[in-house]
Amino acid sequence: MKKRMRPMVFFLAGALLAGGVVTGLAFREHDPKEETVEVKPDGRLQYKWYAPELPKQLSFAGEKVPLERWDVKEQLDRELMYNYYAQYSTLYILKLMTRYFPMIEQRLKENGIPDDFKYLCVAESALRNQTSSAGAVGFWQFMSGTAPTYGLEINDEVDERYHVEKATDAACKYFKDAYAKFGSWTAAAASYNCGMGGYNKFSTQQQTSHYYDLLLPEETMRYIFRILAFKLLLPEAQKMGFIVNHHDAYKPFKTKTVTISSTIPDLAQYAIDNGTTYRMLKTLNPWLRARALTIKGARTYEIQLPAS
């Protein structure tokens, strides 16, 4: 009889303890400051918006951001608030990061470029193959006149600005050249927005190449601070209220690489012959810009096909 009573006693004790905890929480002193929304007498909701807290210290590519200066601090504050409250865009970037950051980080490292430059890619394109109103294309937003200088092929059938891996390597070449010219990673990053020639012109006119001392075009004035905003937001996203569960984040594509050494007259038929679709072929290889791929001479291309 006593043995039968023990489970019931333990159950009742647990229930009483849980009830005590709930009651304690229910009667805990309420702090109105903790609320993010207030219910008005007429039932309407009044939301409360908070500015994200700025760090006391910050750097870009190992170079100090002078946050002790009010102008620098306020510029960072502006970009951080702007991107913090662009919730849809930030959440979508967080989902794309798990697909593309590993590759971008690896290529930056292999090319000797500081890891912080991955946030420049986010600032440029939000990790998508976009085309700007000025005609800049891809993750790294290369212009058609600049891309071939850094080894990217552009013709009627191929545009390697859409090739994420090759475009990342090309961007790394640019950053190396700009760093060699200006002696600063911050200046190199800023020049990616206004061009090395443009940055050099403003530096010469104002007798300084220090980014935070230059008066530049509005877009370039905001550019580094936009990059810094992403550096603050993305690694600490969950603490700042952006929740993307692991199983909801986008995974890298599972592909196999096929080397092409002869002309493919019909990419749609090629896709079918290889167990996939034209749509999937173009999704995995957005640098293919036509319905055919012409091979000249000893030139070869690597195409990605679904792994299974």
C-alpha atoms as a PDB file:
ATOM      1  CA  MET A   1       0.000   0.000   0.000  1.00  0.00           C
ATOM      2  CA  LYS A   2       2.770   2.424   0.901  1.00  0.00           C
ATOM      3  CA  LYS A   3       4.616   1.627  -2.352  1.00  0.00           C
ATOM      4  CA  ARG A   4       1.493   2.451  -4.343  1.00  0.00           C
ATOM      5  CA  MET A   5       1.126   5.792  -2.530  1.00  0.00           C
ATOM      6  CA  ARG A   6       4.645   7.047  -3.358  1.00  0.00           C
ATOM      7  CA  PRO A   7       4.051   7.963  -7.039  1.00  0.00           C
ATOM      8  CA  MET A   8       0.891   9.869  -6.094  1.00  0.00           C
ATOM      9  CA  VAL A   9       2.740  11.783  -3.365  1.00  0.00           C
ATOM     10  CA  PHE A  10       5.534  12.744  -5.770  1.00  0.00           C
ATOM     11  CA  PHE A  11       2.995  13.859  -8.387  1.00  0.00           C
ATOM     12  CA  LEU A  12       1.122  16.058  -5.907  1.00  0.00           C
ATOM     13  CA  ALA A  13       4.361  17.577  -4.618  1.00  0.00           C
ATOM     14  CA  GLY A  14       5.465  18.410  -8.157  1.00  0.00           C
ATOM     15  CA  ALA A  15       2.100  19.929  -9.008  1.00  0.00           C
ATOM     16  CA  LEU A  16       2.168  22.132  -5.889  1.00  0.00           C
ATOM     17  CA  LEU A  17       5.713  23.304  -6.684  1.00  0.00           C
ATOM     18  CA  ALA A  18       4.809  24.173 -10.297  1.00  0.00           C
ATOM     19  CA  GLY A  19       1.701  25.997  -9.095  1.00  0.00           C
ATOM     20  CA  GLY A  20       3.786  28.023  -6.689  1.00  0.00           C
ATOM     21  CA  VAL A  21       6.199  29.073  -9.441  1.00  0.00           C
ATOM     22  CA  VAL A  22       3.375  30.129 -11.769  1.00  0.00           C
ATOM     23  CA  THR A  23       1.641  32.042  -8.979  1.00  0.00           C
ATOM     24  CA  GLY A  24       4.893  33.774  -8.085  1.00  0.00           C
ATOM     25  CA  LEU A  25       5.427  34.877 -11.672  1.00  0.00           C
ATOM     26  CA  ALA A  26       1.826  36.018 -11.993  1.00  0.00           C
ATOM     27  CA  PHE A  27       2.111  38.280  -8.947  1.00  0.00           C
ATOM     28  CA  ARG A  28       5.636  39.520  -9.737  1.00  0.00           C
ATOM     29  CA  GLU A  29       5.839  43.286  -9.782  1.00  0.00           C
ATOM     30  CA  HIS A  30       5.065  44.448 -13.310  1.00  0.00           C
ATOM     31  CA  ASP A  31       7.497  46.787 -15.041  1.00  0.00           C
ATOM     32  CA  PRO A  32       5.772  48.741 -17.848  1.00  0.00           C
ATOM     33  CA  LYS A  33       9.192  49.472 -19.374  1.00  0.00           C
ATOM     34  CA  GLU A  34       9.483  45.802 -20.355  1.00  0.00           C
ATOM     35  CA  GLU A  35       6.513  46.026 -22.689  1.00  0.00           C
ATOM     36  CA  THR A  36       7.054  46.523 -26.410  1.00  0.00           C
ATOM     37  CA  VAL A  37       3.407  47.335 -27.043  1.00  0.00           C
ATOM     38  CA  GLU A  38       0.819  49.304 -25.091  1.00  0.00           C
ATOM     39  CA  VAL A  39      -2.935  48.754 -25.371  1.00  0.00           C
ATOM     40  CA  LYS A  40      -4.779  52.070 -25.591  1.00  0.00           C
ATOM     41  CA  PRO A  41      -8.163  52.583 -23.845  1.00  0.00           C
ATOM     42  CA  ASP A  42      -9.940  52.231 -27.187  1.00  0.00           C
ATOM     43  CA  GLY A  43      -8.181  48.938 -27.891  1.00  0.00           C
ATOM     44  CA  ARG A  44      -5.631  50.241 -30.369  1.00  0.00           C
ATOM     45  CA  LEU A  45      -2.043  49.012 -30.070  1.00  0.00           C
ATOM     46  CA  GLN A  46       0.797  51.478 -29.583  1.00  0.00           C
ATOM     47  CA  TYR A  47       4.131  49.844 -30.382  1.00  0.00           C
ATOM     48  CA  LYS A  48       7.356  51.015 -28.808  1.00  0.00           C
ATOM     49  CA  TRP A  49      10.461  51.274 -30.961  1.00  0.00           C
ATOM     50  CA  TYR A  50      13.929  51.178 -29.493  1.00  0.00           C
ATOM     51  CA  ALA A  51      17.260  52.149 -31.016  1.00  0.00           C
ATOM     52  CA  PRO A  52      19.770  49.274 -30.927  1.00  0.00           C
ATOM     53  CA  GLU A  53      22.682  49.899 -28.606  1.00  0.00           C
ATOM     54  CA  LEU A  54      25.989  50.940 -30.134  1.00  0.00           C
ATOM     55  CA  PRO A  55      29.209  49.207 -29.076  1.00  0.00           C
ATOM     56  CA  LYS A  56      31.891  51.107 -27.202  1.00  0.00           C
ATOM     57  CA  GLN A  57      34.577  49.861 -29.582  1.00  0.00           C
ATOM     58  CA  LEU A  58      34.505  48.676 -33.163  1.00  0.00           C
ATOM     59  CA  SER A  59      36.919  47.905 -35.969  1.00  0.00           C
ATOM     60  CA  PHE A  60      36.833  47.082 -39.651  1.00  0.00           C
ATOM     61  CA  ALA A  61      39.436  44.635 -40.957  1.00  0.00           C
ATOM     62  CA  GLY A  62      41.537  45.326 -37.857  1.00  0.00           C
ATOM     63  CA  GLU A  63      41.357  49.109 -38.330  1.00  0.00           C
ATOM     64  CA  LYS A  64      39.775  51.160 -35.546  1.00  0.00           C
ATOM     65  CA  VAL A  65      36.469  52.918 -36.076  1.00  0.00           C
ATOM     66  CA  PRO A  66      36.770  56.271 -34.194  1.00  0.00           C
ATOM     67  CA  LEU A  67      33.491  56.027 -32.272  1.00  0.00           C
ATOM     68  CA  GLU A  68      34.714  58.693 -29.855  1.00  0.00           C
ATOM     69  CA  ARG A  69      33.876  61.195 -32.614  1.00  0.00           C
ATOM     70  CA  TRP A  70      30.254  62.305 -32.553  1.00  0.00           C
ATOM     71  CA  ASP A  71      29.972  62.463 -36.338  1.00  0.00           C
ATOM     72  CA  VAL A  72      31.219  58.896 -36.766  1.00  0.00           C
ATOM     73  CA  LYS A  73      29.005  57.623 -33.971  1.00  0.00           C
ATOM     74  CA  GLU A  74      25.893  59.262 -35.406  1.00  0.00           C
ATOM     75  CA  GLN A  75      26.572  57.939 -38.903  1.00  0.00           C
ATOM     76  CA  LEU A  76      26.887  54.404 -37.556  1.00  0.00           C
ATOM     77  CA  ASP A  77      23.762  54.930 -35.456  1.00  0.00           C
ATOM     78  CA  ARG A  78      21.806  55.894 -38.578  1.00  0.00           C
ATOM     79  CA  GLU A  79      22.816  52.834 -40.600  1.00  0.00           C
ATOM     80  CA  LEU A  80      22.343  50.441 -37.700  1.00  0.00           C
ATOM     81  CA  MET A  81      18.801  51.688 -37.044  1.00  0.00           C
ATOM     82  CA  TYR A  82      17.961  51.640 -40.749  1.00  0.00           C
ATOM     83  CA  ASN A  83      18.986  48.009 -41.172  1.00  0.00           C
ATOM     84  CA  TYR A  84      17.754  46.875 -37.750  1.00  0.00           C
ATOM     85  CA  TYR A  85      14.214  47.890 -38.686  1.00  0.00           C
ATOM     86  CA  ALA A  86      14.408  46.417 -42.202  1.00  0.00           C
ATOM     87  CA  GLN A  87      13.278  43.142 -40.643  1.00  0.00           C
ATOM     88  CA  TYR A  88      12.285  41.285 -43.812  1.00  0.00           C
ATOM     89  CA  SER A  89      15.579  42.035 -45.548  1.00  0.00           C
ATOM     90  CA  THR A  90      17.684  41.163 -42.499  1.00  0.00           C
ATOM     91  CA  LEU A  91      15.881  37.857 -41.920  1.00  0.00           C
ATOM     92  CA  TYR A  92      16.284  36.894 -45.576  1.00  0.00           C
ATOM     93  CA  ILE A  93      20.015  37.699 -45.432  1.00  0.00           C
ATOM     94  CA  LEU A  94      20.315  35.516 -42.325  1.00  0.00           C
ATOM     95  CA  LYS A  95      18.764  32.604 -44.212  1.00  0.00           C
ATOM     96  CA  LEU A  96      21.095  33.113 -47.186  1.00  0.00           C
ATOM     97  CA  MET A  97      24.225  33.439 -45.016  1.00  0.00           C
ATOM     98  CA  THR A  98      24.367  29.711 -44.268  1.00  0.00           C
ATOM     99  CA  ARG A  99      24.392  28.979 -48.002  1.00  0.00           C
ATOM    100  CA  TYR A 100      26.982  31.496 -49.145  1.00  0.00           C
ATOM    101  CA  PHE A 101      29.161  32.670 -46.248  1.00  0.00           C
ATOM    102  CA  PRO A 102      31.222  29.459 -45.958  1.00  0.00           C
ATOM    103  CA  MET A 103      32.366  29.790 -49.583  1.00  0.00           C
ATOM    104  CA  ILE A 104      32.926  33.563 -49.364  1.00  0.00           C
ATOM    105  CA  GLU A 105      34.869  33.230 -46.095  1.00  0.00           C
ATOM    106  CA  GLN A 106      37.074  30.514 -47.561  1.00  0.00           C
ATOM    107  CA  ARG A 107      37.885  32.520 -50.688  1.00  0.00           C
ATOM    108  CA  LEU A 108      38.600  35.694 -48.718  1.00  0.00           C
ATOM    109  CA  LYS A 109      40.996  33.726 -46.518  1.00  0.00           C
ATOM    110  CA  GLU A 110      42.715  32.045 -49.457  1.00  0.00           C
ATOM    111  CA  ASN A 111      43.222  35.451 -51.099  1.00  0.00           C
ATOM    112  CA  GLY A 112      44.558  37.108 -47.946  1.00  0.00           C
ATOM    113  CA  ILE A 113      41.589  39.461 -47.552  1.00  0.00           C
ATOM    114  CA  PRO A 114      40.185  40.228 -44.057  1.00  0.00           C
ATOM    115  CA  ASP A 115      37.040  38.330 -43.163  1.00  0.00           C
ATOM    116  CA  ASP A 116      35.081  41.560 -42.578  1.00  0.00           C
ATOM    117  CA  PHE A 117      34.828  42.018 -46.352  1.00  0.00           C
ATOM    118  CA  LYS A 118      32.047  39.434 -46.424  1.00  0.00           C
ATOM    119  CA  TYR A 119      29.845  42.170 -44.955  1.00  0.00           C
ATOM    120  CA  LEU A 120      30.745  44.385 -47.911  1.00  0.00           C
ATOM    121  CA  CYS A 121      29.201  41.701 -50.116  1.00  0.00           C
ATOM    122  CA  VAL A 122      26.035  41.881 -48.006  1.00  0.00           C
ATOM    123  CA  ALA A 123      25.982  45.675 -48.303  1.00  0.00           C
ATOM    124  CA  GLU A 124      26.397  45.425 -52.073  1.00  0.00           C
ATOM    125  CA  SER A 125      23.797  42.820 -52.951  1.00  0.00           C
ATOM    126  CA  ALA A 126      22.214  41.274 -49.829  1.00  0.00           C
ATOM    127  CA  LEU A 127      23.760  37.975 -51.063  1.00  0.00           C
ATOM    128  CA  ARG A 128      21.764  37.901 -54.275  1.00  0.00           C
ATOM    129  CA  ASN A 129      22.585  38.147 -57.973  1.00  0.00           C
ATOM    130  CA  GLN A 130      21.084  41.576 -58.416  1.00  0.00           C
ATOM    131  CA  THR A 131      21.409  44.189 -61.160  1.00  0.00           C
ATOM    132  CA  SER A 132      21.608  47.825 -60.094  1.00  0.00           C
ATOM    133  CA  SER A 133      20.107  50.791 -61.926  1.00  0.00           C
ATOM    134  CA  ALA A 134      23.648  51.677 -63.020  1.00  0.00           C
ATOM    135  CA  GLY A 135      24.170  48.235 -64.545  1.00  0.00           C
ATOM    136  CA  ALA A 136      26.320  46.697 -61.805  1.00  0.00           C
ATOM    137  CA  VAL A 137      25.725  42.947 -61.617  1.00  0.00           C
ATOM    138  CA  GLY A 138      25.999  40.026 -59.237  1.00  0.00           C
ATOM    139  CA  PHE A 139      26.875  39.472 -55.596  1.00  0.00           C
ATOM    140  CA  TRP A 140      29.813  41.868 -55.871  1.00  0.00           C
ATOM    141  CA  GLN A 141      28.131  44.329 -58.246  1.00  0.00           C
ATOM    142  CA  PHE A 142      30.793  44.559 -60.946  1.00  0.00           C
ATOM    143  CA  MET A 143      30.309  46.966 -63.830  1.00  0.00           C
ATOM    144  CA  SER A 144      30.790  45.554 -67.333  1.00  0.00           C
ATOM    145  CA  GLY A 145      33.795  47.815 -67.927  1.00  0.00           C
ATOM    146  CA  THR A 146      35.576  46.778 -64.730  1.00  0.00           C
ATOM    147  CA  ALA A 147      34.849  43.043 -64.619  1.00  0.00           C
ATOM    148  CA  PRO A 148      37.222  41.931 -67.440  1.00  0.00           C
ATOM    149  CA  THR A 149      40.074  43.810 -65.736  1.00  0.00           C
ATOM    150  CA  TYR A 150      39.753  41.356 -62.863  1.00  0.00           C
ATOM    151  CA  GLY A 151      39.411  38.240 -64.985  1.00  0.00           C
ATOM    152  CA  LEU A 152      35.640  37.936 -65.437  1.00  0.00           C
ATOM    153  CA  GLU A 153      34.394  36.919 -68.882  1.00  0.00           C
ATOM    154  CA  ILE A 154      31.404  38.746 -70.367  1.00  0.00           C
ATOM    155  CA  ASN A 155      29.839  37.964 -73.745  1.00  0.00           C
ATOM    156  CA  ASP A 156      26.442  37.099 -75.226  1.00  0.00           C
ATOM    157  CA  GLU A 157      26.450  33.622 -73.672  1.00  0.00           C
ATOM    158  CA  VAL A 158      28.507  33.994 -70.495  1.00  0.00           C
ATOM    159  CA  ASP A 159      28.595  36.631 -67.769  1.00  0.00           C
ATOM    160  CA  GLU A 160      30.865  35.595 -64.929  1.00  0.00           C
ATOM    161  CA  ARG A 161      29.735  38.488 -62.777  1.00  0.00           C
ATOM    162  CA  TYR A 162      26.894  36.067 -61.930  1.00  0.00           C
ATOM    163  CA  HIS A 163      29.411  33.349 -61.004  1.00  0.00           C
ATOM    164  CA  VAL A 164      29.631  33.784 -57.235  1.00  0.00           C
ATOM    165  CA  GLU A 165      32.946  32.004 -56.733  1.00  0.00           C
ATOM    166  CA  LYS A 166      34.746  33.699 -59.634  1.00  0.00           C
ATOM    167  CA  ALA A 167      33.271  37.102 -58.790  1.00  0.00           C
ATOM    168  CA  THR A 168      34.476  36.712 -55.193  1.00  0.00           C
ATOM    169  CA  ASP A 169      38.008  36.021 -56.412  1.00  0.00           C
ATOM    170  CA  ALA A 170      37.772  39.036 -58.720  1.00  0.00           C
ATOM    171  CA  ALA A 171      36.636  41.268 -55.843  1.00  0.00           C
ATOM    172  CA  CYS A 172      39.607  40.038 -53.806  1.00  0.00           C
ATOM    173  CA  LYS A 173      41.968  41.148 -56.588  1.00  0.00           C
ATOM    174  CA  TYR A 174      40.374  44.584 -56.480  1.00  0.00           C
ATOM    175  CA  PHE A 175      40.751  44.850 -52.700  1.00  0.00           C
ATOM    176  CA  LYS A 176      44.427  43.917 -52.925  1.00  0.00           C
ATOM    177  CA  ASP A 177      45.035  46.580 -55.580  1.00  0.00           C
ATOM    178  CA  ALA A 178      43.144  49.216 -53.582  1.00  0.00           C
ATOM    179  CA  TYR A 179      44.969  48.345 -50.358  1.00  0.00           C
ATOM    180  CA  ALA A 180      48.307  48.627 -52.155  1.00  0.00           C
ATOM    181  CA  LYS A 181      47.274  52.055 -53.416  1.00  0.00           C
ATOM    182  CA  PHE A 182      45.787  53.544 -50.228  1.00  0.00           C
ATOM    183  CA  GLY A 183      47.463  51.528 -47.450  1.00  0.00           C
ATOM    184  CA  SER A 184      44.151  50.997 -45.644  1.00  0.00           C
ATOM    185  CA  TRP A 185      41.486  48.295 -45.811  1.00  0.00           C
ATOM    186  CA  THR A 186      38.831  50.855 -44.896  1.00  0.00           C
ATOM    187  CA  ALA A 187      39.858  53.070 -47.811  1.00  0.00           C
ATOM    188  CA  ALA A 188      40.000  50.031 -50.079  1.00  0.00           C
ATOM    189  CA  ALA A 189      36.433  49.125 -49.111  1.00  0.00           C
ATOM    190  CA  ALA A 190      35.183  52.701 -49.591  1.00  0.00           C
ATOM    191  CA  SER A 191      36.840  52.903 -53.001  1.00  0.00           C
ATOM    192  CA  TYR A 192      34.835  49.851 -54.050  1.00  0.00           C
ATOM    193  CA  ASN A 193      31.828  52.171 -53.983  1.00  0.00           C
ATOM    194  CA  CYS A 194      33.249  55.243 -55.717  1.00  0.00           C
ATOM    195  CA  GLY A 195      36.182  53.686 -57.593  1.00  0.00           C
ATOM    196  CA  MET A 196      39.886  53.977 -56.928  1.00  0.00           C
ATOM    197  CA  GLY A 197      40.071  56.975 -59.230  1.00  0.00           C
ATOM    198  CA  GLY A 198      37.244  58.728 -57.434  1.00  0.00           C
ATOM    199  CA  TYR A 199      38.635  58.017 -53.984  1.00  0.00           C
ATOM    200  CA  ASN A 200      42.076  59.196 -55.060  1.00  0.00           C
ATOM    201  CA  LYS A 201      40.607  62.427 -56.463  1.00  0.00           C
ATOM    202  CA  PHE A 202      38.866  63.297 -53.195  1.00  0.00           C
ATOM    203  CA  SER A 203      41.956  62.317 -51.196  1.00  0.00           C
ATOM    204  CA  THR A 204      44.177  64.565 -53.297  1.00  0.00           C
ATOM    205  CA  GLN A 205      41.773  67.505 -53.086  1.00  0.00           C
ATOM    206  CA  GLN A 206      41.330  67.218 -49.314  1.00  0.00           C
ATOM    207  CA  GLN A 207      44.925  66.205 -48.551  1.00  0.00           C
ATOM    208  CA  THR A 208      44.047  63.039 -46.628  1.00  0.00           C
ATOM    209  CA  SER A 209      43.243  59.448 -47.525  1.00  0.00           C
ATOM    210  CA  HIS A 210      41.722  58.703 -44.095  1.00  0.00           C
ATOM    211  CA  TYR A 211      38.128  57.653 -44.777  1.00  0.00           C
ATOM    212  CA  TYR A 212      36.644  59.174 -41.621  1.00  0.00           C
ATOM    213  CA  ASP A 213      38.167  62.583 -42.432  1.00  0.00           C
ATOM    214  CA  LEU A 214      36.984  62.779 -46.034  1.00  0.00           C
ATOM    215  CA  LEU A 215      33.905  64.489 -47.423  1.00  0.00           C
ATOM    216  CA  LEU A 216      32.712  62.039 -50.057  1.00  0.00           C
ATOM    217  CA  PRO A 217      29.548  61.544 -52.140  1.00  0.00           C
ATOM    218  CA  GLU A 218      26.552  60.658 -49.972  1.00  0.00           C
ATOM    219  CA  GLU A 219      26.483  57.011 -50.981  1.00  0.00           C
ATOM    220  CA  THR A 220      30.171  56.531 -50.178  1.00  0.00           C
ATOM    221  CA  MET A 221      29.799  58.480 -46.930  1.00  0.00           C
ATOM    222  CA  ARG A 222      27.234  55.897 -45.823  1.00  0.00           C
ATOM    223  CA  TYR A 223      28.949  52.894 -47.372  1.00  0.00           C
ATOM    224  CA  ILE A 224      31.403  51.853 -44.654  1.00  0.00           C
ATOM    225  CA  PHE A 225      28.796  52.453 -41.958  1.00  0.00           C
ATOM    226  CA  ARG A 226      26.347  50.210 -43.795  1.00  0.00           C
ATOM    227  CA  ILE A 227      29.009  47.488 -43.846  1.00  0.00           C
ATOM    228  CA  LEU A 228      29.659  48.025 -40.135  1.00  0.00           C
ATOM    229  CA  ALA A 229      25.940  47.838 -39.394  1.00  0.00           C
ATOM    230  CA  PHE A 230      25.830  44.360 -40.922  1.00  0.00           C
ATOM    231  CA  LYS A 231      28.938  43.394 -38.973  1.00  0.00           C
ATOM    232  CA  LEU A 232      27.078  44.324 -35.782  1.00  0.00           C
ATOM    233  CA  LEU A 233      23.710  42.863 -36.732  1.00  0.00           C
ATOM    234  CA  LEU A 234      24.371  39.532 -38.361  1.00  0.00           C
ATOM    235  CA  PRO A 235      26.670  37.750 -35.857  1.00  0.00           C
ATOM    236  CA  GLU A 236      24.452  38.842 -32.939  1.00  0.00           C
ATOM    237  CA  ALA A 237      21.146  38.524 -34.764  1.00  0.00           C
ATOM    238  CA  GLN A 238      19.419  36.243 -32.247  1.00  0.00           C
ATOM    239  CA  LYS A 239      20.334  38.476 -29.310  1.00  0.00           C
ATOM    240  CA  MET A 240      18.872  41.392 -31.245  1.00  0.00           C
ATOM    241  CA  GLY A 241      15.574  39.614 -31.852  1.00  0.00           C
ATOM    242  CA  PHE A 242      16.084  38.098 -35.305  1.00  0.00           C
ATOM    243  CA  ILE A 243      15.238  34.410 -34.962  1.00  0.00           C
ATOM    244  CA  VAL A 244      16.061  32.001 -37.782  1.00  0.00           C
ATOM    245  CA  ASN A 245      15.936  28.375 -36.687  1.00  0.00           C
ATOM    246  CA  HIS A 246      18.706  26.122 -37.961  1.00  0.00           C
ATOM    247  CA  HIS A 247      16.334  23.978 -40.024  1.00  0.00           C
ATOM    248  CA  ASP A 248      14.877  27.104 -41.689  1.00  0.00           C
ATOM    249  CA  ALA A 249      18.231  28.467 -42.867  1.00  0.00           C
ATOM    250  CA  TYR A 250      19.121  27.795 -46.512  1.00  0.00           C
ATOM    251  CA  LYS A 251      21.739  25.103 -47.062  1.00  0.00           C
ATOM    252  CA  PRO A 252      24.474  25.107 -49.724  1.00  0.00           C
ATOM    253  CA  PHE A 253      23.427  23.493 -53.004  1.00  0.00           C
ATOM    254  CA  LYS A 254      24.419  19.849 -53.333  1.00  0.00           C
ATOM    255  CA  THR A 255      26.048  19.701 -56.744  1.00  0.00           C
ATOM    256  CA  LYS A 256      28.546  17.832 -58.870  1.00  0.00           C
ATOM    257  CA  THR A 257      30.977  19.584 -61.203  1.00  0.00           C
ATOM    258  CA  VAL A 258      31.096  18.696 -64.892  1.00  0.00           C
ATOM    259  CA  THR A 259      33.828  20.076 -67.152  1.00  0.00           C
ATOM    260  CA  ILE A 260      32.574  21.198 -70.562  1.00  0.00           C
ATOM    261  CA  SER A 261      35.094  21.185 -73.426  1.00  0.00           C
ATOM    262  CA  SER A 262      32.783  21.112 -76.447  1.00  0.00           C
ATOM    263  CA  THR A 263      29.889  23.309 -77.574  1.00  0.00           C
ATOM    264  CA  ILE A 264      26.431  22.689 -76.120  1.00  0.00           C
ATOM    265  CA  PRO A 265      23.973  23.876 -78.812  1.00  0.00           C
ATOM    266  CA  ASP A 266      20.862  23.445 -76.643  1.00  0.00           C
ATOM    267  CA  LEU A 267      21.198  23.809 -72.866  1.00  0.00           C
ATOM    268  CA  ALA A 268      17.608  22.687 -72.305  1.00  0.00           C
ATOM    269  CA  GLN A 269      18.275  19.369 -74.026  1.00  0.00           C
ATOM    270  CA  TYR A 270      21.619  19.080 -72.233  1.00  0.00           C
ATOM    271  CA  ALA A 271      19.824  19.491 -68.896  1.00  0.00           C
ATOM    272  CA  ILE A 272      17.276  16.792 -69.767  1.00  0.00           C
ATOM    273  CA  ASP A 273      20.029  14.440 -70.941  1.00  0.00           C
ATOM    274  CA  ASN A 274      21.695  14.886 -67.559  1.00  0.00           C
ATOM    275  CA  GLY A 275      18.614  14.190 -65.485  1.00  0.00           C
ATOM    276  CA  THR A 276      17.639  17.747 -64.594  1.00  0.00           C
ATOM    277  CA  THR A 277      15.735  20.711 -66.017  1.00  0.00           C
ATOM    278  CA  TYR A 278      16.676  23.872 -67.857  1.00  0.00           C
ATOM    279  CA  ARG A 279      15.367  25.875 -64.915  1.00  0.00           C
ATOM    280  CA  MET A 280      17.577  24.021 -62.425  1.00  0.00           C
ATOM    281  CA  LEU A 281      20.596  24.249 -64.733  1.00  0.00           C
ATOM    282  CA  LYS A 282      20.212  28.037 -64.916  1.00  0.00           C
ATOM    283  CA  THR A 283      19.555  28.289 -61.170  1.00  0.00           C
ATOM    284  CA  LEU A 284      22.806  26.490 -60.349  1.00  0.00           C
ATOM    285  CA  ASN A 285      24.728  28.291 -63.124  1.00  0.00           C
ATOM    286  CA  PRO A 286      23.308  31.827 -63.377  1.00  0.00           C
ATOM    287  CA  TRP A 287      26.388  32.895 -65.351  1.00  0.00           C
ATOM    288  CA  LEU A 288      24.970  31.009 -68.350  1.00  0.00           C
ATOM    289  CA  ARG A 289      23.073  33.817 -70.088  1.00  0.00           C
ATOM    290  CA  ALA A 290      21.838  32.188 -73.312  1.00  0.00           C
ATOM    291  CA  ARG A 291      20.271  28.936 -74.491  1.00  0.00           C
ATOM    292  CA  ALA A 292      23.597  27.613 -75.783  1.00  0.00           C
ATOM    293  CA  LEU A 293      27.224  27.504 -74.676  1.00  0.00           C
ATOM    294  CA  THR A 294      29.814  27.876 -77.417  1.00  0.00           C
ATOM    295  CA  ILE A 295      33.315  26.553 -76.782  1.00  0.00           C
ATOM    296  CA  LYS A 296      36.138  28.141 -78.748  1.00  0.00           C
ATOM    297  CA  GLY A 297      39.601  26.626 -78.970  1.00  0.00           C
ATOM    298  CA  ALA A 298      40.862  24.929 -75.826  1.00  0.00           C
ATOM    299  CA  ARG A 299      38.527  26.897 -73.534  1.00  0.00           C
ATOM    300  CA  THR A 300      36.651  24.862 -70.922  1.00  0.00           C
ATOM    301  CA  TYR A 301      33.883  25.674 -68.428  1.00  0.00           C
ATOM    302  CA  GLU A 302      32.752  23.986 -65.238  1.00  0.00           C
ATOM    303  CA  ILE A 303      28.999  23.501 -64.889  1.00  0.00           C
ATOM    304  CA  GLN A 304      27.211  22.557 -61.685  1.00  0.00           C
ATOM    305  CA  LEU A 305      24.564  19.834 -61.865  1.00  0.00           C
ATOM    306  CA  PRO A 306      22.388  18.461 -59.047  1.00  0.00           C
ATOM    307  CA  ALA A 307      24.336  15.869 -57.070  1.00  0.00           C
ATOM    308  CA  SER A 308      21.420  13.455 -56.971  1.00  0.00           C
END
